[in-house]
Amino acid sequence: MADIFLIVVTVVAFVLLTVVGVYLIVKYQHPDDKNDAYLPKLVVLFGFVLSGATVLMLPLDVANNEGYAGCDGFDTAICGGINMTLFWTVIYWLIPAWVFLLIPFSIFFYEADDGMLMAGTSVGAKPNSRIKEAIKYELFVIVIFGLIFALTYLFLNETAIPVREVTAPSFDAGPEYTITPNAEGGFTSSQLALMSEEDVMLLERNSANPELQTVALTVNPAVFYAGLMAWLGWFLFALFGAIGMAAMPLDLILAFVYRPRHMDAVEFAEAQMSLRDRVNELVSVGELIKIEREERAQQSADQGGGWFNKEARKRANEEKKTLLQFKQAVFLLEEDAEDFANCTQNYKSYNPLIPFGSLLLGICAFVISIFWVLHIILYMLPNSPVTPFLNTYFQWFDTWFPLFGVLSVAIFSFYLLLCAVKGCFKFGLRFLFFQVHPMKINKTYMSSFLFNTGLVLLCALPVVQFSVSAFQDYARYTTINQVINVQLKYLKFFGWWWQKKVFEYAFLAIILLTCIYLGCRPRDQSASNSIQLRDKLKSRM
């Protein structure tokens, strides 16, 4: 029978995730999307719930203890009774469905409206036209990733689990014991008699093969696609999660250090003049970008262009880089303008506790990041762990209040997911490889919501896999441990990456490199100031 407490906690967790998701959408959505884009909003909402549930399933699995042998019927005192295999299977299927079906379709559906607006055909356009446009592009995505999924499962669906062969004599000649039934109907080890000399002699005749053998098994599609999604997500999580683990504490502490302060008349005039100059310069840059794009479009129409035109590709890359620099400069200007407003006209209404809250969260994030780094070095990377470290801390709670241990696992796991989002934004803002999608109150379009939801879903399974490997001693009775550290760990092709701990080494290395980089450049700065950007644009015209 399922534990009523665990069922109630699960329901409450899903309700809280839904409420938080609705709050984030309402609080952060752009006014243009307030009464529109209902389909993307639903996809974002349930995508947020799915990503949060994926990470929180681990502590639920820990509390359920379904992997304990006694849960088969003879010792069910610590068993939760919830079918975690079914829960995890649902998660395995929903994540690729969201990442490759619903999120791309919602993006195409949302952007189709912008495309028709730019073309002047959105007035009077029916929703069916937007749906057809989205379906057309979504079919292309389905074909590409459908082929990838089918071919990888066809050729890489086998796992080779290592086993040790033990040869033993027949137990038919061994001693027989009668087990006295327990009055309560259960079974305890105290009902077994002590080993006799005959048992010892029989055990001494056992022989174990010193070389490990393997048992080849075919994993089911759900488990295989969970491994495939985890492997794909690891490339993002190893980069963004590591960057976020170093950047999260620093940015929170810097928010306190550079908190809004009252400005005197001289400081006010200088700051106002600086912002005004930057605004005027960026307006000029924006006009130059618009002129350049119009000229390039005209040249492409007259001379022809495309992917096979080297000069056209070069111009397109330069234009993309310039546009990213422009957006970066605009974002930093908006941040400075907001700080300036908090120091002047909004100074009296500004909540002075916000910076102190950031400082407290920054200290907590710093402690968690340090613990994670130490745990990786001491427990995860060595073949023989130096110390169980965090596992000992979690197991200590089991001796007096197990719920605290489960909550600690949830906090440490969910922190990794937050670091991935933070790292993506930090990396995009610093290196301009792709467009950043910051979450700002009343300024976030659905395209940014969808991008961040997709990122979080891609990183959810790597976070779970990383946490299970990190807390293997504490999570030894979980269902997911049997999947990740048995089936997926020895999966053909993908298993090599996890057995050699490639991603863990990369994760730790990127954390250290990020710490060095942020130590030299702690604050976000524009890659090139607006004057340089303007001069570069003029030189190309």
Protein backbone atom coordinates (compact mmCIF):
# COMPACT_ATOMS: atom_id res chain seq x y z
CA MET A 1 0.00 0.00 0.00
CA ALA A 2 1.29 3.45 -0.89
CA ASP A 3 2.38 5.79 1.88
CA ILE A 4 -0.35 8.42 2.30
CA PHE A 5 2.18 11.02 3.42
CA LEU A 6 4.24 10.61 0.22
CA ILE A 7 1.10 10.85 -1.91
CA VAL A 8 0.06 14.07 -0.18
CA VAL A 9 3.57 15.52 -0.53
CA THR A 10 3.62 14.63 -4.24
CA VAL A 11 0.26 16.29 -4.88
CA VAL A 12 1.27 19.39 -2.91
CA ALA A 13 4.57 19.61 -4.83
CA PHE A 14 2.77 19.51 -8.19
CA VAL A 15 0.28 22.14 -7.03
CA LEU A 16 3.09 24.41 -5.80
CA LEU A 17 5.01 24.01 -9.06
CA THR A 18 1.87 24.94 -11.01
CA VAL A 19 1.19 27.98 -8.82
CA VAL A 20 4.81 29.16 -9.13
CA GLY A 21 4.70 28.64 -12.91
CA VAL A 22 1.52 30.71 -13.25
CA TYR A 23 3.01 33.43 -11.05
CA LEU A 24 6.20 33.61 -13.14
CA ILE A 25 4.25 33.88 -16.39
CA VAL A 26 1.93 36.58 -15.05
CA LYS A 27 4.73 38.51 -13.34
CA TYR A 28 7.33 38.38 -16.13
CA GLN A 29 5.28 38.36 -19.35
CA HIS A 30 5.48 41.33 -21.70
CA PRO A 31 2.32 43.48 -21.93
CA ASP A 32 2.08 42.59 -25.64
CA ASP A 33 1.47 38.94 -24.64
CA LYS A 34 -0.96 39.66 -21.82
CA ASN A 35 -4.10 38.60 -23.70
CA ASP A 36 -2.43 36.57 -26.40
CA ALA A 37 -0.12 33.57 -26.98
CA TYR A 38 -2.20 31.19 -24.86
CA LEU A 39 -0.72 28.06 -26.45
CA PRO A 40 2.91 29.05 -25.72
CA LYS A 41 1.88 29.97 -22.17
CA LEU A 42 0.42 26.51 -21.57
CA VAL A 43 3.54 24.88 -23.01
CA VAL A 44 5.77 27.03 -20.79
CA LEU A 45 3.64 26.38 -17.70
CA PHE A 46 3.58 22.61 -17.99
CA GLY A 47 7.18 22.57 -19.20
CA PHE A 48 8.17 24.36 -16.00
CA VAL A 49 6.14 21.87 -13.95
CA LEU A 50 7.75 18.97 -15.85
CA SER A 51 11.31 20.21 -15.32
CA GLY A 52 10.72 20.87 -11.63
CA ALA A 53 8.98 17.52 -11.17
CA THR A 54 11.87 15.71 -12.89
CA VAL A 55 14.38 17.06 -10.39
CA LEU A 56 12.05 16.65 -7.40
CA MET A 57 11.35 13.04 -8.39
CA LEU A 58 14.79 12.11 -7.04
CA PRO A 59 14.06 13.05 -3.41
CA LEU A 60 10.66 11.37 -3.77
CA ASP A 61 12.42 8.24 -5.05
CA VAL A 62 14.80 8.41 -2.09
CA ALA A 63 11.90 8.58 0.36
CA ASN A 64 10.07 5.75 -1.45
CA ASN A 65 12.98 3.22 -1.26
CA GLU A 66 11.43 0.97 -3.89
CA GLY A 67 14.82 -0.55 -4.73
CA TYR A 68 15.18 -2.08 -1.25
CA ALA A 69 14.87 -5.87 -1.44
CA GLY A 70 12.55 -5.97 1.55
CA CYS A 71 9.91 -4.04 -0.39
CA ASP A 72 9.02 -7.31 -2.13
CA GLY A 73 7.06 -8.21 0.97
CA PHE A 74 9.18 -9.35 3.90
CA ASP A 75 10.38 -5.96 5.25
CA THR A 76 8.24 -3.05 4.10
CA ALA A 77 8.74 -0.70 7.03
CA ILE A 78 10.82 1.82 5.02
CA CYS A 79 8.98 1.35 1.69
CA GLY A 80 6.71 4.06 0.32
CA GLY A 81 4.76 1.79 -2.01
CA ILE A 82 4.66 4.27 -4.93
CA ASN A 83 5.31 2.85 -8.40
CA MET A 84 8.34 4.99 -9.23
CA THR A 85 9.07 2.96 -12.36
CA LEU A 86 5.81 4.24 -13.86
CA PHE A 87 6.55 7.81 -12.75
CA TRP A 88 10.01 7.79 -14.29
CA THR A 89 8.75 6.20 -17.53
CA VAL A 90 6.25 9.02 -17.93
CA ILE A 91 9.05 11.55 -17.38
CA TYR A 92 11.27 9.80 -19.96
CA TRP A 93 8.61 10.20 -22.65
CA LEU A 94 7.36 13.67 -21.75
CA ILE A 95 10.74 15.43 -21.88
CA PRO A 96 11.56 14.60 -25.55
CA ALA A 97 7.91 15.29 -26.44
CA TRP A 98 8.20 18.77 -24.94
CA VAL A 99 11.68 19.54 -26.28
CA PHE A 100 11.18 18.32 -29.85
CA LEU A 101 7.42 18.65 -30.38
CA LEU A 102 5.59 21.19 -28.24
CA ILE A 103 8.29 23.83 -27.69
CA PRO A 104 9.40 24.06 -31.38
CA PHE A 105 5.76 24.11 -32.50
CA SER A 106 4.97 26.89 -30.01
CA ILE A 107 7.98 28.90 -31.15
CA PHE A 108 6.99 28.54 -34.80
CA PHE A 109 3.39 29.42 -33.92
CA TYR A 110 4.44 32.46 -31.89
CA GLU A 111 7.01 33.71 -34.41
CA ALA A 112 4.61 33.17 -37.33
CA ASP A 113 2.52 36.04 -36.01
CA ASP A 114 5.59 38.29 -36.02
CA GLY A 115 6.45 37.20 -39.54
CA MET A 116 2.99 38.04 -40.84
CA LEU A 117 3.09 41.32 -38.97
CA MET A 118 6.37 42.29 -40.64
CA ALA A 119 4.98 41.24 -44.00
CA GLY A 120 1.82 43.25 -43.47
CA THR A 121 -0.44 40.18 -43.65
CA SER A 122 -1.31 39.75 -39.98
CA VAL A 123 -4.37 42.02 -40.16
CA GLY A 124 -7.36 39.76 -40.53
CA ALA A 125 -5.17 36.65 -40.58
CA LYS A 126 -6.94 33.57 -39.25
CA PRO A 127 -5.42 31.39 -36.50
CA ASN A 128 -5.49 28.49 -38.95
CA SER A 129 -2.86 30.21 -41.10
CA ARG A 130 -0.53 30.48 -38.12
CA ILE A 131 -1.13 26.85 -37.20
CA LYS A 132 -0.42 25.70 -40.77
CA GLU A 133 2.78 27.74 -40.79
CA ALA A 134 3.88 26.19 -37.49
CA ILE A 135 2.95 22.64 -38.60
CA LYS A 136 5.00 23.05 -41.77
CA TYR A 137 8.19 23.79 -39.86
CA GLU A 138 7.39 21.30 -37.09
CA LEU A 139 7.12 18.45 -39.59
CA PHE A 140 10.71 19.14 -40.62
CA VAL A 141 11.83 18.93 -36.97
CA ILE A 142 9.88 15.68 -36.47
CA VAL A 143 11.46 14.06 -39.53
CA ILE A 144 15.02 15.02 -38.56
CA PHE A 145 14.86 14.06 -34.89
CA GLY A 146 12.58 11.09 -35.57
CA LEU A 147 15.27 9.61 -37.81
CA ILE A 148 17.95 10.33 -35.21
CA PHE A 149 15.93 8.68 -32.45
CA ALA A 150 15.01 5.65 -34.56
CA LEU A 151 18.51 5.00 -35.89
CA THR A 152 20.25 5.45 -32.54
CA TYR A 153 17.84 3.05 -30.84
CA LEU A 154 18.19 0.54 -33.67
CA PHE A 155 22.00 0.37 -33.40
CA LEU A 156 22.79 1.47 -29.81
CA ASN A 157 20.07 -0.11 -27.68
CA GLU A 158 22.28 -2.71 -25.99
CA THR A 159 23.83 -2.43 -22.55
CA ALA A 160 26.64 -4.69 -21.29
CA ILE A 161 26.31 -4.94 -17.51
CA PRO A 162 29.43 -6.27 -15.74
CA VAL A 163 28.90 -9.28 -13.44
CA ARG A 164 31.19 -11.54 -11.44
CA GLU A 165 30.71 -15.29 -11.80
CA VAL A 166 30.74 -17.30 -8.58
CA THR A 167 30.92 -21.08 -8.73
CA ALA A 168 29.48 -22.92 -5.75
CA PRO A 169 28.60 -26.50 -4.88
CA SER A 170 25.03 -27.65 -4.66
CA PHE A 171 23.18 -26.62 -1.55
CA ASP A 172 21.18 -29.85 -1.55
CA ALA A 173 23.70 -31.46 0.80
CA GLY A 174 23.74 -28.47 3.13
CA PRO A 175 21.98 -28.19 6.47
CA GLU A 176 18.27 -27.48 6.61
CA TYR A 177 16.60 -24.97 8.90
CA THR A 178 13.05 -24.42 9.92
CA ILE A 179 11.98 -20.79 10.16
CA THR A 180 9.62 -20.08 13.00
CA PRO A 181 6.74 -17.89 11.75
CA ASN A 182 6.47 -14.47 13.28
CA ALA A 183 3.37 -13.88 15.35
CA GLU A 184 2.84 -10.54 13.60
CA GLY A 185 2.96 -12.17 10.18
CA GLY A 186 6.16 -10.41 8.99
CA PHE A 187 9.73 -11.54 8.72
CA THR A 188 12.89 -10.42 10.51
CA SER A 189 16.46 -11.62 10.33
CA SER A 190 16.24 -12.74 13.97
CA GLN A 191 14.12 -15.69 12.83
CA LEU A 192 17.16 -17.19 11.05
CA ALA A 193 19.46 -19.52 12.94
CA LEU A 194 23.15 -18.71 13.23
CA MET A 195 25.52 -20.18 10.65
CA SER A 196 26.84 -23.60 11.56
CA GLU A 197 30.20 -25.16 10.73
CA GLU A 198 28.58 -26.93 7.78
CA ASP A 199 27.52 -23.53 6.34
CA VAL A 200 31.02 -22.14 6.74
CA MET A 201 32.58 -25.15 5.03
CA LEU A 202 30.12 -24.84 2.18
CA LEU A 203 30.89 -21.14 1.68
CA GLU A 204 34.63 -21.77 1.69
CA ARG A 205 34.20 -24.05 -1.30
CA ASN A 206 32.86 -21.13 -3.38
CA SER A 207 35.17 -19.70 -6.05
CA ALA A 208 34.83 -16.30 -7.73
CA ASN A 209 36.17 -15.49 -11.17
CA PRO A 210 38.67 -12.60 -10.76
CA GLU A 211 37.75 -11.25 -14.19
CA LEU A 212 34.41 -9.52 -14.65
CA GLN A 213 32.04 -10.91 -17.26
CA THR A 214 29.25 -9.00 -18.99
CA VAL A 215 25.57 -9.67 -19.50
CA ALA A 216 24.18 -8.09 -22.67
CA LEU A 217 20.65 -6.75 -22.37
CA THR A 218 18.42 -4.67 -24.63
CA VAL A 219 17.02 -1.62 -22.88
CA ASN A 220 13.44 -0.56 -23.55
CA PRO A 221 12.81 2.57 -25.66
CA ALA A 222 11.84 4.76 -22.69
CA VAL A 223 15.10 4.10 -20.84
CA PHE A 224 17.15 4.45 -24.02
CA TYR A 225 15.65 7.82 -24.90
CA ALA A 226 16.22 8.96 -21.32
CA GLY A 227 19.89 8.11 -21.82
CA LEU A 228 19.98 9.84 -25.20
CA MET A 229 18.35 12.99 -23.80
CA ALA A 230 20.71 12.92 -20.82
CA TRP A 231 23.74 12.60 -23.11
CA LEU A 232 22.58 15.49 -25.31
CA GLY A 233 21.73 17.63 -22.29
CA TRP A 234 25.09 16.97 -20.66
CA PHE A 235 26.88 19.13 -23.25
CA LEU A 236 24.72 22.07 -22.20
CA PHE A 237 24.73 21.29 -18.48
CA ALA A 238 28.50 20.75 -18.29
CA LEU A 239 29.02 24.21 -19.79
CA PHE A 240 26.16 26.31 -18.45
CA GLY A 241 25.79 24.52 -15.11
CA ALA A 242 29.48 24.94 -14.35
CA ILE A 243 29.48 28.61 -15.34
CA GLY A 244 26.36 29.21 -13.27
CA MET A 245 27.84 27.50 -10.22
CA ALA A 246 30.63 30.09 -10.18
CA ALA A 247 28.54 33.05 -11.37
CA MET A 248 25.45 32.60 -9.19
CA PRO A 249 27.08 33.45 -5.82
CA LEU A 250 29.17 36.24 -7.33
CA ASP A 251 26.26 38.04 -8.99
CA LEU A 252 24.09 37.80 -5.89
CA ILE A 253 26.84 39.25 -3.70
CA LEU A 254 27.64 41.97 -6.24
CA ALA A 255 23.96 42.94 -6.23
CA PHE A 256 24.49 43.86 -2.58
CA VAL A 257 27.87 45.53 -3.10
CA TYR A 258 26.55 47.76 -5.91
CA ARG A 259 23.11 48.31 -4.37
CA PRO A 260 21.32 51.60 -5.11
CA ARG A 261 22.58 54.50 -3.01
CA HIS A 262 21.46 58.08 -2.69
CA MET A 263 23.19 60.39 -5.20
CA ASP A 264 24.13 64.00 -4.67
CA ALA A 265 23.56 66.67 -7.34
CA VAL A 266 26.96 66.27 -9.01
CA GLU A 267 26.70 62.46 -9.21
CA PHE A 268 23.13 62.75 -10.49
CA ALA A 269 24.11 65.14 -13.29
CA GLU A 270 27.09 63.02 -14.36
CA ALA A 271 25.08 59.77 -14.38
CA GLN A 272 22.18 61.39 -16.24
CA MET A 273 24.50 62.83 -18.89
CA SER A 274 26.26 59.48 -19.34
CA LEU A 275 22.97 57.64 -19.81
CA ARG A 276 21.71 60.29 -22.24
CA ASP A 277 24.87 60.01 -24.35
CA ARG A 278 24.64 56.23 -24.42
CA VAL A 279 20.99 56.37 -25.47
CA ASN A 280 21.75 58.79 -28.32
CA GLU A 281 24.67 56.68 -29.48
CA LEU A 282 22.64 53.48 -29.46
CA VAL A 283 19.82 55.17 -31.38
CA SER A 284 22.37 56.08 -34.04
CA VAL A 285 23.71 52.54 -34.06
CA GLY A 286 20.20 51.14 -34.45
CA GLU A 287 19.53 53.37 -37.43
CA LEU A 288 22.83 52.33 -39.04
CA ILE A 289 21.99 48.65 -38.51
CA LYS A 290 18.61 49.17 -40.16
CA ILE A 291 20.21 50.92 -43.16
CA GLU A 292 22.86 48.21 -43.50
CA ARG A 293 20.28 45.42 -43.44
CA GLU A 294 18.17 47.14 -46.09
CA GLU A 295 21.22 47.63 -48.32
CA ARG A 296 22.27 43.99 -47.90
CA ALA A 297 18.76 42.79 -48.74
CA GLN A 298 18.81 44.91 -51.91
CA GLN A 299 22.26 43.59 -52.90
CA SER A 300 21.13 40.00 -52.35
CA ALA A 301 18.12 40.58 -54.57
CA ASP A 302 20.25 42.14 -57.32
CA GLN A 303 23.36 39.93 -57.19
CA GLY A 304 22.04 36.76 -55.62
CA GLY A 305 23.18 35.30 -52.33
CA GLY A 306 22.74 32.40 -50.03
CA TRP A 307 24.70 29.73 -48.22
CA PHE A 308 26.95 28.97 -51.20
CA ASN A 309 28.00 32.60 -51.56
CA LYS A 310 31.10 33.05 -49.39
CA GLU A 311 30.91 36.84 -49.31
CA ALA A 312 27.20 36.72 -48.45
CA ARG A 313 27.89 34.33 -45.56
CA LYS A 314 30.68 36.55 -44.28
CA ARG A 315 28.47 39.65 -44.38
CA ALA A 316 25.64 37.77 -42.66
CA ASN A 317 27.97 36.63 -39.85
CA GLU A 318 29.29 40.16 -39.36
CA GLU A 319 25.76 41.52 -39.28
CA LYS A 320 24.70 38.87 -36.74
CA LYS A 321 27.66 39.64 -34.50
CA THR A 322 26.98 43.36 -34.70
CA LEU A 323 23.32 42.83 -33.87
CA LEU A 324 24.25 40.72 -30.82
CA GLN A 325 26.65 43.44 -29.65
CA PHE A 326 23.90 46.01 -30.10
CA LYS A 327 21.42 43.93 -28.07
CA GLN A 328 24.04 43.40 -25.37
CA ALA A 329 24.67 47.15 -25.15
CA VAL A 330 20.92 47.85 -25.00
CA PHE A 331 20.44 45.29 -22.22
CA LEU A 332 23.28 46.73 -20.12
CA LEU A 333 21.92 50.25 -20.73
CA GLU A 334 18.49 49.15 -19.47
CA GLU A 335 20.12 47.65 -16.37
CA ASP A 336 22.02 50.88 -15.67
CA ALA A 337 18.90 52.97 -16.31
CA GLU A 338 16.98 50.85 -13.82
CA ASP A 339 19.74 51.27 -11.21
CA PHE A 340 19.77 55.01 -11.88
CA ALA A 341 16.00 55.17 -11.34
CA ASN A 342 16.33 53.26 -8.06
CA CYS A 343 18.92 55.81 -6.92
CA THR A 344 16.79 58.83 -7.85
CA GLN A 345 13.03 58.96 -8.42
CA ASN A 346 12.39 55.46 -7.07
CA TYR A 347 14.76 55.77 -4.13
CA LYS A 348 12.05 56.31 -1.51
CA SER A 349 9.89 53.44 -2.79
CA TYR A 350 12.82 51.04 -3.27
CA ASN A 351 12.81 48.16 -0.79
CA PRO A 352 16.14 48.35 1.10
CA LEU A 353 15.85 44.69 2.15
CA ILE A 354 16.30 43.44 -1.43
CA PRO A 355 20.11 43.86 -1.46
CA PHE A 356 20.41 42.17 1.93
CA GLY A 357 18.26 39.31 0.64
CA SER A 358 20.64 39.03 -2.32
CA LEU A 359 23.59 38.95 0.06
CA LEU A 360 22.02 36.16 2.13
CA LEU A 361 21.18 34.13 -0.98
CA GLY A 362 24.68 34.78 -2.33
CA ILE A 363 26.27 33.39 0.84
CA CYS A 364 24.01 30.32 0.72
CA ALA A 365 24.80 29.82 -2.99
CA PHE A 366 28.52 30.16 -2.26
CA VAL A 367 28.32 27.47 0.45
CA ILE A 368 26.37 25.09 -1.81
CA SER A 369 28.80 25.67 -4.71
CA ILE A 370 31.81 24.97 -2.46
CA PHE A 371 30.18 21.79 -1.15
CA TRP A 372 29.46 20.64 -4.70
CA VAL A 373 33.06 21.25 -5.82
CA LEU A 374 34.46 19.41 -2.79
CA HIS A 375 32.03 16.54 -3.30
CA ILE A 376 33.05 16.18 -6.96
CA ILE A 377 36.74 16.09 -6.02
CA LEU A 378 36.45 13.82 -2.98
CA TYR A 379 33.66 11.43 -3.99
CA MET A 380 32.76 11.52 -7.68
CA LEU A 381 36.07 11.66 -9.54
CA PRO A 382 38.25 9.14 -7.60
CA ASN A 383 37.70 5.47 -8.48
CA SER A 384 37.70 4.79 -4.74
CA PRO A 385 36.03 7.78 -3.04
CA VAL A 386 38.13 9.54 -0.44
CA THR A 387 35.04 10.14 1.69
CA PRO A 388 31.26 9.86 1.22
CA PHE A 389 31.10 13.57 2.22
CA LEU A 390 27.55 14.80 1.46
CA ASN A 391 26.22 11.25 1.57
CA THR A 392 27.26 11.06 5.22
CA TYR A 393 25.51 14.36 5.90
CA PHE A 394 22.27 13.13 4.31
CA GLN A 395 22.43 9.73 6.03
CA TRP A 396 22.94 11.44 9.38
CA PHE A 397 19.46 12.92 9.05
CA ASP A 398 18.02 9.41 8.66
CA THR A 399 18.99 8.68 12.24
CA TRP A 400 16.63 11.31 13.67
CA PHE A 401 14.52 13.08 10.98
CA PRO A 402 14.72 11.57 7.44
CA LEU A 403 12.65 14.38 5.88
CA PHE A 404 15.57 16.81 6.31
CA GLY A 405 17.82 14.53 4.28
CA VAL A 406 15.26 14.32 1.47
CA LEU A 407 14.84 18.11 1.49
CA SER A 408 18.63 18.56 1.36
CA VAL A 409 18.80 16.35 -1.74
CA ALA A 410 16.04 18.47 -3.32
CA ILE A 411 17.89 21.73 -2.53
CA PHE A 412 21.25 20.54 -3.88
CA SER A 413 19.65 19.08 -7.02
CA PHE A 414 17.42 22.06 -7.79
CA TYR A 415 20.37 24.41 -7.30
CA LEU A 416 22.09 22.71 -10.25
CA LEU A 417 19.10 23.47 -12.47
CA LEU A 418 19.15 27.15 -11.46
CA CYS A 419 22.88 27.27 -12.18
CA ALA A 420 22.27 26.00 -15.72
CA VAL A 421 19.86 28.87 -16.47
CA LYS A 422 22.21 31.40 -14.87
CA GLY A 423 25.19 30.03 -16.78
CA CYS A 424 23.39 30.19 -20.12
CA PHE A 425 22.54 33.83 -19.62
CA LYS A 426 26.04 34.69 -18.36
CA PHE A 427 27.74 32.88 -21.25
CA GLY A 428 25.50 34.49 -23.87
CA LEU A 429 26.00 37.96 -22.40
CA ARG A 430 29.78 37.68 -22.16
CA PHE A 431 30.69 35.85 -25.38
CA LEU A 432 27.85 36.76 -27.78
CA PHE A 433 27.60 33.32 -29.43
CA PHE A 434 23.82 33.45 -29.34
CA GLN A 435 21.02 35.77 -28.34
CA VAL A 436 20.45 36.04 -24.61
CA HIS A 437 16.97 35.56 -23.20
CA PRO A 438 16.91 37.26 -19.79
CA MET A 439 13.87 36.99 -17.55
CA LYS A 440 12.79 40.51 -16.64
CA ILE A 441 9.60 41.53 -14.87
CA ASN A 442 6.94 42.73 -17.38
CA LYS A 443 9.51 42.62 -20.19
CA THR A 444 9.80 38.94 -21.15
CA TYR A 445 8.35 37.76 -24.44
CA MET A 446 7.05 34.22 -24.87
CA SER A 447 9.98 33.38 -27.14
CA SER A 448 12.32 33.92 -24.18
CA PHE A 449 10.04 31.86 -21.93
CA LEU A 450 10.08 29.01 -24.45
CA PHE A 451 13.86 29.18 -24.90
CA ASN A 452 14.51 29.00 -21.15
CA THR A 453 11.93 26.23 -20.70
CA GLY A 454 13.64 24.15 -23.39
CA LEU A 455 17.03 24.74 -21.78
CA VAL A 456 15.76 23.69 -18.35
CA LEU A 457 14.15 20.53 -19.76
CA LEU A 458 17.32 19.58 -21.61
CA CYS A 459 19.33 19.97 -18.41
CA ALA A 460 16.80 18.22 -16.13
CA LEU A 461 17.88 14.63 -16.83
CA PRO A 462 21.62 15.43 -16.64
CA VAL A 463 20.94 17.08 -13.28
CA VAL A 464 19.17 13.92 -12.07
CA GLN A 465 21.96 11.70 -13.40
CA PHE A 466 24.62 13.91 -11.82
CA SER A 467 22.79 13.93 -8.48
CA VAL A 468 22.23 10.16 -8.46
CA SER A 469 25.92 9.56 -9.14
CA ALA A 470 26.87 12.10 -6.48
CA PHE A 471 24.51 10.69 -3.83
CA GLN A 472 24.84 7.04 -4.79
CA ASP A 473 25.34 5.88 -1.18
CA TYR A 474 22.31 7.78 0.03
CA ALA A 475 20.13 6.98 -3.02
CA ARG A 476 21.13 3.31 -3.24
CA TYR A 477 17.52 2.08 -2.89
CA THR A 478 16.05 4.37 -5.55
CA THR A 479 14.55 3.14 -8.80
CA ILE A 480 16.45 5.73 -10.82
CA ASN A 481 19.74 4.47 -9.38
CA GLN A 482 19.10 1.07 -10.96
CA VAL A 483 18.48 2.76 -14.30
CA ILE A 484 21.33 5.29 -14.33
CA ASN A 485 24.12 3.38 -12.61
CA VAL A 486 23.28 -0.02 -14.11
CA GLN A 487 21.52 0.20 -17.47
CA LEU A 488 22.60 3.60 -18.80
CA LYS A 489 26.11 3.54 -17.39
CA TYR A 490 27.02 0.57 -19.60
CA LEU A 491 24.95 1.49 -22.64
CA LYS A 492 26.68 1.09 -25.98
CA PHE A 493 28.55 4.29 -27.06
CA PHE A 494 26.94 6.50 -24.40
CA GLY A 495 28.29 4.43 -21.51
CA TRP A 496 31.89 5.33 -22.33
CA TRP A 497 31.23 8.98 -21.56
CA TRP A 498 29.83 8.15 -18.13
CA GLN A 499 32.26 5.39 -17.19
CA LYS A 500 35.25 7.62 -17.99
CA LYS A 501 33.54 10.54 -16.17
CA VAL A 502 34.19 12.84 -19.13
CA PHE A 503 31.41 15.24 -18.26
CA GLU A 504 32.33 15.39 -14.56
CA TYR A 505 35.92 16.33 -15.39
CA ALA A 506 34.71 18.93 -17.90
CA PHE A 507 32.23 20.28 -15.34
CA LEU A 508 34.93 20.76 -12.69
CA ALA A 509 37.42 22.26 -15.19
CA ILE A 510 34.88 24.81 -16.45
CA ILE A 511 34.03 25.81 -12.86
CA LEU A 512 37.69 26.53 -12.14
CA LEU A 513 38.20 28.42 -15.42
CA THR A 514 35.04 30.46 -14.78
CA CYS A 515 36.26 31.38 -11.29
CA ILE A 516 39.53 32.66 -12.75
CA TYR A 517 37.74 34.58 -15.50
CA LEU A 518 35.18 36.15 -13.17
CA GLY A 519 37.95 37.00 -10.74
CA CYS A 520 39.47 39.17 -13.49
CA ARG A 521 36.17 40.50 -14.87
CA PRO A 522 33.50 40.24 -12.17
CA ARG A 523 30.97 42.67 -13.67
CA ASP A 524 29.15 42.42 -17.00
CA GLN A 525 30.47 44.91 -19.53
CA SER A 526 29.72 45.54 -23.17
CA ALA A 527 32.07 43.80 -25.59
CA SER A 528 32.48 47.11 -27.43
CA ASN A 529 31.09 50.51 -26.53
CA SER A 530 28.46 52.16 -28.67
CA ILE A 531 30.95 54.59 -30.26
CA GLN A 532 33.15 51.72 -31.49
CA LEU A 533 30.06 49.90 -32.72
CA ARG A 534 28.89 52.98 -34.60
CA ASP A 535 32.32 53.54 -36.19
CA LYS A 536 32.52 49.90 -37.27
CA LEU A 537 29.12 50.13 -38.94
CA LYS A 538 30.07 53.31 -40.77
CA SER A 539 33.27 51.71 -42.06
CA ARG A 540 31.26 48.89 -43.66
CA MET A 541 28.85 51.22 -45.46
